[in-house]
């Protein structure tokens, strides 16, 4: 699991792991494939493996909790 304090945009990217993101605080615009949506504290997002996704911070200091399955070895 990874808690991230967003201070900048996260470019579109993809990875072989599934991702679940819980928004702890703040406001962000997430992009997934051709869709985009604004989320705030309490939102839960699921990103399938290898689907491009990213986000733009709409409130400085926004925080999310990311979990990956299987675990991302590049984050160990």
PDB file of N, CA and C in Angstrom:
ATOM      1  N   UNK A   1       0.841  -1.162   0.000  1.00  0.00           N
ATOM      2  CA  UNK A   1       0.000   0.000   0.000  1.00  0.00           C
ATOM      3  C   UNK A   1       0.888   1.227   0.000  1.00  0.00           C
ATOM      4  N   UNK A   2       0.366   2.315  -0.559  1.00  0.00           N
ATOM      5  CA  UNK A   2       1.142   3.533  -0.723  1.00  0.00           C
ATOM      6  C   UNK A   2       0.237   4.724  -0.455  1.00  0.00           C
ATOM      7  N   UNK A   3       0.630   5.589   0.461  1.00  0.00           N
ATOM      8  CA  UNK A   3      -0.092   6.835   0.677  1.00  0.00           C
ATOM      9  C   UNK A   3       0.683   7.920  -0.042  1.00  0.00           C
ATOM     10  N   UNK A   4      -0.012   8.673  -0.871  1.00  0.00           N
ATOM     11  CA  UNK A   4       0.663   9.692  -1.664  1.00  0.00           C
ATOM     12  C   UNK A   4       0.020  11.045  -1.408  1.00  0.00           C
ATOM     13  N   UNK A   5       0.852  12.033  -1.133  1.00  0.00           N
ATOM     14  CA  UNK A   5       0.430  13.417  -0.977  1.00  0.00           C
ATOM     15  C   UNK A   5       0.680  14.088  -2.323  1.00  0.00           C
ATOM     16  N   UNK A   6      -0.381  14.379  -3.048  1.00  0.00           N
ATOM     17  CA  UNK A   6      -0.251  14.916  -4.393  1.00  0.00           C
ATOM     18  C   UNK A   6       0.086  16.394  -4.371  1.00  0.00           C
ATOM     19  N   UNK A   7       1.114  16.762  -5.084  1.00  0.00           N
ATOM     20  CA  UNK A   7       1.451  18.168  -5.284  1.00  0.00           C
ATOM     21  C   UNK A   7       1.543  18.495  -6.765  1.00  0.00           C
ATOM     22  N   UNK A   8       1.404  17.497  -7.619  1.00  0.00           N
ATOM     23  CA  UNK A   8       1.490  17.742  -9.054  1.00  0.00           C
ATOM     24  C   UNK A   8       0.712  16.673  -9.804  1.00  0.00           C
ATOM     25  N   UNK A   9       0.608  16.881 -11.092  1.00  0.00           N
ATOM     26  CA  UNK A   9      -0.101  15.974 -11.977  1.00  0.00           C
ATOM     27  C   UNK A   9       0.624  14.630 -12.080  1.00  0.00           C
ATOM     28  N   UNK A  10      -0.143  13.549 -12.179  1.00  0.00           N
ATOM     29  CA  UNK A  10       0.420  12.224 -12.450  1.00  0.00           C
ATOM     30  C   UNK A  10       0.069  11.900 -13.898  1.00  0.00           C
ATOM     31  N   UNK A  11       1.076  11.841 -14.745  1.00  0.00           N
ATOM     32  CA  UNK A  11       0.871  11.603 -16.176  1.00  0.00           C
ATOM     33  C   UNK A  11       0.199  10.258 -16.423  1.00  0.00           C
ATOM     34  N   UNK A  12      -0.467  10.166 -17.579  1.00  0.00           N
ATOM     35  CA  UNK A  12      -1.067   8.892 -17.960  1.00  0.00           C
ATOM     36  C   UNK A  12       0.018   7.816 -17.972  1.00  0.00           C
ATOM     37  N   UNK A  13      -0.300   6.685 -17.386  1.00  0.00           N
ATOM     38  CA  UNK A  13       0.623   5.560 -17.320  1.00  0.00           C
ATOM     39  C   UNK A  13      -0.198   4.286 -17.173  1.00  0.00           C
ATOM     40  N   UNK A  14       0.446   3.164 -17.240  1.00  0.00           N
ATOM     41  CA  UNK A  14      -0.231   1.881 -17.003  1.00  0.00           C
ATOM     42  C   UNK A  14       0.777   0.912 -16.421  1.00  0.00           C
ATOM     43  N   UNK A  15       0.262  -0.143 -15.817  1.00  0.00           N
ATOM     44  CA  UNK A  15       1.114  -1.162 -15.216  1.00  0.00           C
ATOM     45  C   UNK A  15       0.334  -2.474 -15.191  1.00  0.00           C
ATOM     46  N   UNK A  16       1.016  -3.602 -15.050  1.00  0.00           N
ATOM     47  CA  UNK A  16       0.342  -4.902 -15.108  1.00  0.00           C
ATOM     48  C   UNK A  16      -0.473  -5.239 -13.859  1.00  0.00           C
ATOM     49  N   UNK A  17      -0.316  -4.459 -12.793  1.00  0.00           N
ATOM     50  CA  UNK A  17      -1.055  -4.722 -11.557  1.00  0.00           C
ATOM     51  C   UNK A  17      -2.401  -4.000 -11.568  1.00  0.00           C
ATOM     52  N   UNK A  18      -3.423  -4.604 -10.948  1.00  0.00           N
ATOM     53  CA  UNK A  18      -4.672  -3.890 -10.703  1.00  0.00           C
ATOM     54  C   UNK A  18      -4.422  -2.903  -9.575  1.00  0.00           C
ATOM     55  N   UNK A  19      -5.159  -1.792  -9.585  1.00  0.00           N
ATOM     56  CA  UNK A  19      -4.960  -0.758  -8.574  1.00  0.00           C
ATOM     57  C   UNK A  19      -6.303  -0.341  -7.985  1.00  0.00           C
ATOM     58  N   UNK A  20      -6.344  -0.233  -6.664  1.00  0.00           N
ATOM     59  CA  UNK A  20      -7.480   0.340  -5.952  1.00  0.00           C
ATOM     60  C   UNK A  20      -6.966   1.603  -5.272  1.00  0.00           C
ATOM     61  N   UNK A  21      -7.662   2.714  -5.487  1.00  0.00           N
ATOM     62  CA  UNK A  21      -7.272   3.997  -4.901  1.00  0.00           C
ATOM     63  C   UNK A  21      -8.403   4.511  -4.028  1.00  0.00           C
ATOM     64  N   UNK A  22      -8.076   4.866  -2.794  1.00  0.00           N
ATOM     65  CA  UNK A  22      -9.026   5.482  -1.868  1.00  0.00           C
ATOM     66  C   UNK A  22      -8.582   6.921  -1.655  1.00  0.00           C
ATOM     67  N   UNK A  23      -9.464   7.874  -1.894  1.00  0.00           N
ATOM     68  CA  UNK A  23      -9.125   9.284  -1.729  1.00  0.00           C
ATOM     69  C   UNK A  23      -9.318   9.662  -0.264  1.00  0.00           C
ATOM     70  N   UNK A  24      -8.210   9.981   0.398  1.00  0.00           N
ATOM     71  CA  UNK A  24      -8.235  10.332   1.816  1.00  0.00           C
ATOM     72  C   UNK A  24      -8.666  11.774   2.034  1.00  0.00           C
ATOM     73  N   UNK A  25      -8.190  12.677   1.161  1.00  0.00           N
ATOM     74  CA  UNK A  25      -8.528  14.091   1.311  1.00  0.00           C
ATOM     75  C   UNK A  25      -8.287  14.816   0.003  1.00  0.00           C
ATOM     76  N   UNK A  26      -8.908  15.978  -0.125  1.00  0.00           N
ATOM     77  CA  UNK A  26      -8.673  16.815  -1.281  1.00  0.00           C
ATOM     78  C   UNK A  26      -9.627  16.570  -2.427  1.00  0.00           C
ATOM     79  N   UNK A  27      -9.199  17.001  -3.607  1.00  0.00           N
ATOM     80  CA  UNK A  27     -10.016  16.929  -4.820  1.00  0.00           C
ATOM     81  C   UNK A  27      -9.079  16.712  -6.005  1.00  0.00           C
ATOM     82  N   UNK A  28      -9.387  15.720  -6.828  1.00  0.00           N
ATOM     83  CA  UNK A  28      -8.545  15.373  -7.969  1.00  0.00           C
ATOM     84  C   UNK A  28      -9.422  15.050  -9.173  1.00  0.00           C
ATOM     85  N   UNK A  29      -8.869  15.248 -10.360  1.00  0.00           N
ATOM     86  CA  UNK A  29      -9.525  14.777 -11.591  1.00  0.00           C
ATOM     87  C   UNK A  29      -8.722  13.584 -12.084  1.00  0.00           C
ATOM     88  N   UNK A  30      -9.373  12.423 -12.137  1.00  0.00           N
ATOM     89  CA  UNK A  30      -8.727  11.213 -12.627  1.00  0.00           C
ATOM     90  C   UNK A  30      -9.113  10.967 -14.077  1.00  0.00           C
ATOM     91  N   UNK A  31      -8.180  10.433 -14.813  1.00  0.00           N
ATOM     92  CA  UNK A  31      -8.383  10.033 -16.198  1.00  0.00           C
ATOM     93  C   UNK A  31      -8.181   8.526 -16.282  1.00  0.00           C
ATOM     94  N   UNK A  32      -9.079   7.881 -17.018  1.00  0.00           N
ATOM     95  CA  UNK A  32      -8.976   6.426 -17.229  1.00  0.00           C
ATOM     96  C   UNK A  32      -9.471   6.143 -18.632  1.00  0.00           C
ATOM     97  N   UNK A  33      -8.566   5.684 -19.477  1.00  0.00           N
ATOM     98  CA  UNK A  33      -8.945   5.481 -20.874  1.00  0.00           C
ATOM     99  C   UNK A  33      -9.430   6.803 -21.458  1.00  0.00           C
ATOM    100  N   UNK A  34     -10.649   6.828 -21.993  1.00  0.00           N
ATOM    101  CA  UNK A  34     -11.219   8.036 -22.591  1.00  0.00           C
ATOM    102  C   UNK A  34     -12.102   8.824 -21.618  1.00  0.00           C
ATOM    103  N   UNK A  35     -12.203   8.399 -20.378  1.00  0.00           N
ATOM    104  CA  UNK A  35     -13.084   9.041 -19.407  1.00  0.00           C
ATOM    105  C   UNK A  35     -12.293   9.881 -18.401  1.00  0.00           C
ATOM    106  N   UNK A  36     -12.982  10.872 -17.822  1.00  0.00           N
ATOM    107  CA  UNK A  36     -12.392  11.631 -16.718  1.00  0.00           C
ATOM    108  C   UNK A  36     -13.494  11.925 -15.712  1.00  0.00           C
ATOM    109  N   UNK A  37     -13.113  12.056 -14.455  1.00  0.00           N
ATOM    110  CA  UNK A  37     -14.079  12.330 -13.401  1.00  0.00           C
ATOM    111  C   UNK A  37     -13.373  12.998 -12.238  1.00  0.00           C
ATOM    112  N   UNK A  38     -14.108  13.859 -11.536  1.00  0.00           N
ATOM    113  CA  UNK A  38     -13.590  14.560 -10.371  1.00  0.00           C
ATOM    114  C   UNK A  38     -13.999  13.764  -9.139  1.00  0.00           C
ATOM    115  N   UNK A  39     -13.047  13.570  -8.226  1.00  0.00           N
ATOM    116  CA  UNK A  39     -13.310  12.818  -6.998  1.00  0.00           C
ATOM    117  C   UNK A  39     -12.843  13.616  -5.788  1.00  0.00           C
ATOM    118  N   UNK A  40     -13.476  13.330  -4.660  1.00  0.00           N
ATOM    119  CA  UNK A  40     -13.131  13.972  -3.398  1.00  0.00           C
ATOM    120  C   UNK A  40     -12.989  12.897  -2.330  1.00  0.00           C
ATOM    121  N   UNK A  41     -12.689  13.322  -1.105  1.00  0.00           N
ATOM    122  CA  UNK A  41     -12.476  12.396   0.019  1.00  0.00           C
ATOM    123  C   UNK A  41     -13.605  11.377   0.113  1.00  0.00           C
ATOM    124  N   UNK A  42     -13.214  10.122   0.292  1.00  0.00           N
ATOM    125  CA  UNK A  42     -14.170   9.026   0.423  1.00  0.00           C
ATOM    126  C   UNK A  42     -14.383   8.238  -0.855  1.00  0.00           C
ATOM    127  N   UNK A  43     -13.950   8.753  -1.985  1.00  0.00           N
ATOM    128  CA  UNK A  43     -14.118   8.046  -3.261  1.00  0.00           C
ATOM    129  C   UNK A  43     -13.172   6.857  -3.333  1.00  0.00           C
ATOM    130  N   UNK A  44     -13.632   5.796  -3.984  1.00  0.00           N
ATOM    131  CA  UNK A  44     -12.821   4.608  -4.224  1.00  0.00           C
ATOM    132  C   UNK A  44     -12.809   4.366  -5.727  1.00  0.00           C
ATOM    133  N   UNK A  45     -11.617   4.146  -6.289  1.00  0.00           N
ATOM    134  CA  UNK A  45     -11.453   3.929  -7.715  1.00  0.00           C
ATOM    135  C   UNK A  45     -10.733   2.616  -7.957  1.00  0.00           C
ATOM    136  N   UNK A  46     -11.108   1.925  -9.031  1.00  0.00           N
ATOM    137  CA  UNK A  46     -10.419   0.688  -9.418  1.00  0.00           C
ATOM    138  C   UNK A  46      -9.907   0.863 -10.836  1.00  0.00           C
ATOM    139  N   UNK A  47      -8.613   0.585 -11.015  1.00  0.00           N
ATOM    140  CA  UNK A  47      -7.992   0.649 -12.325  1.00  0.00           C
ATOM    141  C   UNK A  47      -7.554  -0.758 -12.710  1.00  0.00           C
ATOM    142  N   UNK A  48      -8.075  -1.244 -13.814  1.00  0.00           N
ATOM    143  CA  UNK A  48      -7.722  -2.583 -14.296  1.00  0.00           C
ATOM    144  C   UNK A  48      -6.272  -2.593 -14.778  1.00  0.00           C
ATOM    145  N   UNK A  49      -5.696  -3.758 -14.808  1.00  0.00           N
ATOM    146  CA  UNK A  49      -4.321  -3.916 -15.285  1.00  0.00           C
ATOM    147  C   UNK A  49      -4.191  -3.387 -16.704  1.00  0.00           C
ATOM    148  N   UNK A  50      -3.096  -2.685 -16.947  1.00  0.00           N
ATOM    149  CA  UNK A  50      -2.704  -2.196 -18.266  1.00  0.00           C
ATOM    150  C   UNK A  50      -3.640  -1.161 -18.888  1.00  0.00           C
ATOM    151  N   UNK A  51      -4.548  -0.577 -18.114  1.00  0.00           N
ATOM    152  CA  UNK A  51      -5.414   0.493 -18.610  1.00  0.00           C
ATOM    153  C   UNK A  51      -4.762   1.833 -18.278  1.00  0.00           C
ATOM    154  N   UNK A  52      -4.543   2.703 -19.272  1.00  0.00           N
ATOM    155  CA  UNK A  52      -3.929   3.998 -18.995  1.00  0.00           C
ATOM    156  C   UNK A  52      -4.776   4.824 -18.019  1.00  0.00           C
ATOM    157  N   UNK A  53      -4.111   5.433 -17.031  1.00  0.00           N
ATOM    158  CA  UNK A  53      -4.786   6.274 -16.043  1.00  0.00           C
ATOM    159  C   UNK A  53      -3.804   7.293 -15.496  1.00  0.00           C
ATOM    160  N   UNK A  54      -4.333   8.352 -14.918  1.00  0.00           N
ATOM    161  CA  UNK A  54      -3.520   9.414 -14.339  1.00  0.00           C
ATOM    162  C   UNK A  54      -4.439  10.396 -13.647  1.00  0.00           C
ATOM    163  N   UNK A  55      -3.883  11.479 -13.117  1.00  0.00           N
ATOM    164  CA  UNK A  55      -4.739  12.455 -12.447  1.00  0.00           C
ATOM    165  C   UNK A  55      -4.109  13.837 -12.431  1.00  0.00           C
ATOM    166  N   UNK A  56      -4.974  14.816 -12.216  1.00  0.00           N
ATOM    167  CA  UNK A  56      -4.586  16.209 -12.043  1.00  0.00           C
ATOM    168  C   UNK A  56      -5.074  16.629 -10.667  1.00  0.00           C
ATOM    169  N   UNK A  57      -4.204  17.247  -9.902  1.00  0.00           N
ATOM    170  CA  UNK A  57      -4.557  17.718  -8.565  1.00  0.00           C
ATOM    171  C   UNK A  57      -5.386  18.991  -8.688  1.00  0.00           C
ATOM    172  N   UNK A  58      -6.546  19.008  -8.041  1.00  0.00           N
ATOM    173  CA  UNK A  58      -7.396  20.191  -8.039  1.00  0.00           C
ATOM    174  C   UNK A  58      -7.303  20.945  -6.718  1.00  0.00           C
ATOM    175  N   UNK A  59      -6.815  20.272  -5.667  1.00  0.00           N
ATOM    176  CA  UNK A  59      -6.551  20.904  -4.371  1.00  0.00           C
ATOM    177  C   UNK A  59      -5.188  20.447  -3.891  1.00  0.00           C
ATOM    178  N   UNK A  60      -4.298  21.396  -3.622  1.00  0.00           N
ATOM    179  CA  UNK A  60      -2.969  21.054  -3.118  1.00  0.00           C
ATOM    180  C   UNK A  60      -3.096  20.224  -1.838  1.00  0.00           C
ATOM    181  N   UNK A  61      -2.179  19.291  -1.665  1.00  0.00           N
ATOM    182  CA  UNK A  61      -2.161  18.459  -0.471  1.00  0.00           C
ATOM    183  C   UNK A  61      -3.155  17.318  -0.498  1.00  0.00           C
ATOM    184  N   UNK A  62      -3.779  17.059  -1.638  1.00  0.00           N
ATOM    185  CA  UNK A  62      -4.699  15.924  -1.729  1.00  0.00           C
ATOM    186  C   UNK A  62      -3.936  14.637  -1.445  1.00  0.00           C
ATOM    187  N   UNK A  63      -4.584  13.702  -0.745  1.00  0.00           N
ATOM    188  CA  UNK A  63      -3.935  12.433  -0.396  1.00  0.00           C
ATOM    189  C   UNK A  63      -4.781  11.252  -0.829  1.00  0.00           C
ATOM    190  N   UNK A  64      -4.109  10.217  -1.314  1.00  0.00           N
ATOM    191  CA  UNK A  64      -4.773   8.968  -1.669  1.00  0.00           C
ATOM    192  C   UNK A  64      -4.019   7.794  -1.055  1.00  0.00           C
ATOM    193  N   UNK A  65      -4.719   6.694  -0.924  1.00  0.00           N
ATOM    194  CA  UNK A  65      -4.136   5.434  -0.479  1.00  0.00           C
ATOM    195  C   UNK A  65      -4.266   4.479  -1.655  1.00  0.00           C
ATOM    196  N   UNK A  66      -3.149   4.028  -2.205  1.00  0.00           N
ATOM    197  CA  UNK A  66      -3.140   3.106  -3.339  1.00  0.00           C
ATOM    198  C   UNK A  66      -2.781   1.705  -2.869  1.00  0.00           C
ATOM    199  N   UNK A  67      -3.484   0.711  -3.406  1.00  0.00           N
ATOM    200  CA  UNK A  67      -3.127  -0.691  -3.188  1.00  0.00           C
ATOM    201  C   UNK A  67      -3.058  -1.364  -4.560  1.00  0.00           C
ATOM    202  N   UNK A  68      -2.182  -2.342  -4.678  1.00  0.00           N
ATOM    203  CA  UNK A  68      -1.944  -3.002  -5.950  1.00  0.00           C
ATOM    204  C   UNK A  68      -2.010  -4.519  -5.770  1.00  0.00           C
ATOM    205  N   UNK A  69      -2.541  -5.186  -6.805  1.00  0.00           N
ATOM    206  CA  UNK A  69      -2.590  -6.642  -6.793  1.00  0.00           C
ATOM    207  C   UNK A  69      -2.192  -7.150  -8.177  1.00  0.00           C
ATOM    208  N   UNK A  70      -1.138  -7.976  -8.248  1.00  0.00           N
ATOM    209  CA  UNK A  70      -0.236  -8.319  -7.151  1.00  0.00           C
ATOM    210  C   UNK A  70       0.580  -7.093  -6.736  1.00  0.00           C
ATOM    211  N   UNK A  71       1.318  -7.229  -5.657  1.00  0.00           N
ATOM    212  CA  UNK A  71       2.119  -6.131  -5.129  1.00  0.00           C
ATOM    213  C   UNK A  71       3.068  -5.611  -6.207  1.00  0.00           C
ATOM    214  N   UNK A  72       3.259  -4.285  -6.243  1.00  0.00           N
ATOM    215  CA  UNK A  72       4.199  -3.693  -7.198  1.00  0.00           C
ATOM    216  C   UNK A  72       5.611  -3.806  -6.646  1.00  0.00           C
ATOM    217  N   UNK A  73       6.409  -4.624  -7.278  1.00  0.00           N
ATOM    218  CA  UNK A  73       7.781  -4.838  -6.801  1.00  0.00           C
ATOM    219  C   UNK A  73       8.644  -3.604  -6.944  1.00  0.00           C
ATOM    220  N   UNK A  74       8.298  -2.696  -7.884  1.00  0.00           N
ATOM    221  CA  UNK A  74       9.090  -1.476  -8.047  1.00  0.00           C
ATOM    222  C   UNK A  74       8.852  -0.482  -6.906  1.00  0.00           C
ATOM    223  N   UNK A  75       7.860  -0.725  -6.050  1.00  0.00           N
ATOM    224  CA  UNK A  75       7.595   0.133  -4.901  1.00  0.00           C
ATOM    225  C   UNK A  75       8.158  -0.430  -3.596  1.00  0.00           C
ATOM    226  N   UNK A  76       8.781  -1.607  -3.654  1.00  0.00           N
ATOM    227  CA  UNK A  76       9.318  -2.213  -2.426  1.00  0.00           C
ATOM    228  C   UNK A  76      10.614  -1.559  -2.022  1.00  0.00           C
TER     229      UNK A  76
END
